Amino acid sequence: MTNYIKAYKSYINSQYFSEGIRMTAGILIPAFAMSLFDMLPAGIIVSLGAGTVRNSD
């Protein structure tokens, strides 16, 4: 049991998890923010741009 908890804590504190959260937020937040201002097509374009740029990071 303790091995599973240790593995879970290790994953949550890992670089991969934090990068995944950062990339997900960077892609989703522009679309959600622009949709609040009735500019969803522009938000989708910005999100697609963020998604393509993340590959080079």
N, C-alpha and C. Protein backbone atom coordinates (compact mmCIF):
# COMPACT_ATOMS: atom_id res chain seq x y z
N MET A 1 0.82 -1.20 0.00
CA MET A 1 0.00 0.00 0.00
C MET A 1 0.86 1.26 0.00
N THR A 2 1.88 1.26 0.82
CA THR A 2 2.72 2.46 0.89
C THR A 2 3.49 2.68 -0.40
N ASN A 3 3.76 1.60 -1.13
CA ASN A 3 4.46 1.74 -2.39
C ASN A 3 3.60 2.51 -3.40
N TYR A 4 2.30 2.25 -3.42
CA TYR A 4 1.40 2.96 -4.31
C TYR A 4 1.31 4.44 -3.95
N ILE A 5 1.27 4.73 -2.69
CA ILE A 5 1.21 6.12 -2.25
C ILE A 5 2.49 6.85 -2.62
N LYS A 6 3.62 6.19 -2.44
CA LYS A 6 4.91 6.79 -2.81
C LYS A 6 4.99 7.04 -4.32
N ALA A 7 4.50 6.09 -5.12
CA ALA A 7 4.51 6.25 -6.57
C ALA A 7 3.58 7.37 -6.99
N TYR A 8 2.42 7.48 -6.34
CA TYR A 8 1.47 8.55 -6.64
C TYR A 8 2.07 9.92 -6.33
N LYS A 9 2.67 10.05 -5.17
CA LYS A 9 3.29 11.31 -4.80
C LYS A 9 4.44 11.66 -5.73
N SER A 10 5.19 10.67 -6.14
CA SER A 10 6.30 10.90 -7.07
C SER A 10 5.78 11.41 -8.41
N TYR A 11 4.68 10.83 -8.89
CA TYR A 11 4.11 11.26 -10.17
C TYR A 11 3.54 12.67 -10.08
N ILE A 12 2.82 12.99 -9.02
CA ILE A 12 2.22 14.30 -8.85
C ILE A 12 3.29 15.39 -8.78
N ASN A 13 4.43 15.08 -8.19
CA ASN A 13 5.50 16.04 -8.05
C ASN A 13 6.49 16.01 -9.21
N SER A 14 6.21 15.23 -10.23
CA SER A 14 7.16 15.08 -11.34
C SER A 14 7.04 16.24 -12.33
N GLN A 15 8.07 16.35 -13.12
CA GLN A 15 8.11 17.40 -14.14
C GLN A 15 7.09 17.13 -15.24
N TYR A 16 6.85 15.87 -15.57
CA TYR A 16 5.91 15.52 -16.63
C TYR A 16 4.49 15.97 -16.28
N PHE A 17 4.10 15.78 -15.03
CA PHE A 17 2.76 16.17 -14.62
C PHE A 17 2.59 17.68 -14.67
N SER A 18 3.57 18.41 -14.16
CA SER A 18 3.47 19.87 -14.16
C SER A 18 3.50 20.43 -15.57
N GLU A 19 4.30 19.84 -16.46
CA GLU A 19 4.30 20.29 -17.85
C GLU A 19 2.98 19.99 -18.53
N GLY A 20 2.39 18.87 -18.22
CA GLY A 20 1.09 18.53 -18.80
C GLY A 20 0.00 19.50 -18.38
N ILE A 21 0.00 19.86 -17.10
CA ILE A 21 -0.97 20.84 -16.61
C ILE A 21 -0.75 22.19 -17.27
N ARG A 22 0.52 22.59 -17.38
CA ARG A 22 0.84 23.89 -17.98
C ARG A 22 0.43 23.93 -19.45
N MET A 23 0.69 22.85 -20.20
CA MET A 23 0.32 22.82 -21.61
C MET A 23 -1.20 22.80 -21.79
N THR A 24 -1.88 22.04 -20.96
CA THR A 24 -3.33 21.97 -21.05
C THR A 24 -3.96 23.33 -20.78
N ALA A 25 -3.48 24.01 -19.75
CA ALA A 25 -4.00 25.33 -19.42
C ALA A 25 -3.68 26.32 -20.53
N GLY A 26 -2.49 26.25 -21.08
CA GLY A 26 -2.09 27.17 -22.15
C GLY A 26 -2.90 26.99 -23.42
N ILE A 27 -3.41 25.81 -23.62
CA ILE A 27 -4.22 25.56 -24.82
C ILE A 27 -5.69 25.87 -24.57
N LEU A 28 -6.21 25.55 -23.39
CA LEU A 28 -7.64 25.71 -23.15
C LEU A 28 -8.05 27.11 -22.72
N ILE A 29 -7.23 27.78 -21.95
CA ILE A 29 -7.62 29.09 -21.41
C ILE A 29 -7.89 30.13 -22.50
N PRO A 30 -7.08 30.22 -23.57
CA PRO A 30 -7.42 31.22 -24.60
C PRO A 30 -8.80 31.01 -25.23
N ALA A 31 -9.14 29.75 -25.49
CA ALA A 31 -10.45 29.48 -26.11
C ALA A 31 -11.58 29.84 -25.15
N PHE A 32 -11.43 29.47 -23.87
CA PHE A 32 -12.48 29.80 -22.91
C PHE A 32 -12.58 31.30 -22.68
N ALA A 33 -11.45 31.97 -22.61
CA ALA A 33 -11.46 33.42 -22.37
C ALA A 33 -12.07 34.17 -23.54
N MET A 34 -11.72 33.77 -24.75
CA MET A 34 -12.26 34.46 -25.92
C MET A 34 -13.74 34.15 -26.11
N SER A 35 -14.19 32.97 -25.67
CA SER A 35 -15.60 32.65 -25.80
C SER A 35 -16.45 33.52 -24.88
N LEU A 36 -15.87 33.99 -23.78
CA LEU A 36 -16.61 34.90 -22.90
C LEU A 36 -16.90 36.24 -23.57
N PHE A 37 -16.06 36.60 -24.53
CA PHE A 37 -16.24 37.86 -25.26
C PHE A 37 -16.85 37.63 -26.63
N ASP A 38 -17.49 36.48 -26.82
CA ASP A 38 -18.13 36.10 -28.09
C ASP A 38 -17.15 36.14 -29.26
N MET A 39 -15.93 35.71 -29.01
CA MET A 39 -14.90 35.64 -30.05
C MET A 39 -14.32 34.23 -30.10
N LEU A 40 -15.17 33.22 -30.08
CA LEU A 40 -14.73 31.84 -30.02
C LEU A 40 -13.85 31.45 -31.21
N PRO A 41 -14.17 31.84 -32.45
CA PRO A 41 -13.28 31.45 -33.55
C PRO A 41 -11.84 31.97 -33.36
N ALA A 42 -11.69 33.18 -32.87
CA ALA A 42 -10.35 33.70 -32.61
C ALA A 42 -9.69 32.93 -31.48
N GLY A 43 -10.43 32.55 -30.47
CA GLY A 43 -9.89 31.77 -29.37
C GLY A 43 -9.44 30.40 -29.80
N ILE A 44 -10.17 29.79 -30.71
CA ILE A 44 -9.77 28.48 -31.22
C ILE A 44 -8.49 28.60 -32.03
N ILE A 45 -8.36 29.67 -32.80
CA ILE A 45 -7.13 29.88 -33.57
C ILE A 45 -5.94 30.08 -32.64
N VAL A 46 -6.12 30.86 -31.59
CA VAL A 46 -5.04 31.07 -30.62
C VAL A 46 -4.69 29.75 -29.93
N SER A 47 -5.69 28.95 -29.60
CA SER A 47 -5.43 27.67 -28.95
C SER A 47 -4.70 26.71 -29.89
N LEU A 48 -5.08 26.71 -31.15
CA LEU A 48 -4.36 25.87 -32.11
C LEU A 48 -2.92 26.32 -32.26
N GLY A 49 -2.70 27.62 -32.26
CA GLY A 49 -1.34 28.14 -32.32
C GLY A 49 -0.54 27.74 -31.10
N ALA A 50 -1.13 27.81 -29.94
CA ALA A 50 -0.45 27.39 -28.71
C ALA A 50 -0.15 25.90 -28.74
N GLY A 51 -1.05 25.13 -29.31
CA GLY A 51 -0.82 23.69 -29.40
C GLY A 51 0.30 23.33 -30.35
N THR A 52 0.45 24.07 -31.42
CA THR A 52 1.53 23.78 -32.37
C THR A 52 2.87 24.29 -31.86
N VAL A 53 2.87 25.38 -31.13
CA VAL A 53 4.12 25.93 -30.61
C VAL A 53 4.66 25.06 -29.48
N ARG A 54 3.80 24.40 -28.74
CA ARG A 54 4.27 23.59 -27.60
C ARG A 54 5.18 22.47 -28.05
N ASN A 55 5.07 22.03 -29.30
CA ASN A 55 5.94 20.97 -29.79
C ASN A 55 7.40 21.43 -29.86
N SER A 56 7.62 22.70 -30.08
CA SER A 56 8.99 23.19 -30.18
C SER A 56 9.59 23.51 -28.82
N ASP A 57 8.75 23.59 -27.79
CA ASP A 57 9.27 23.89 -26.45
C ASP A 57 9.90 22.71 -25.86
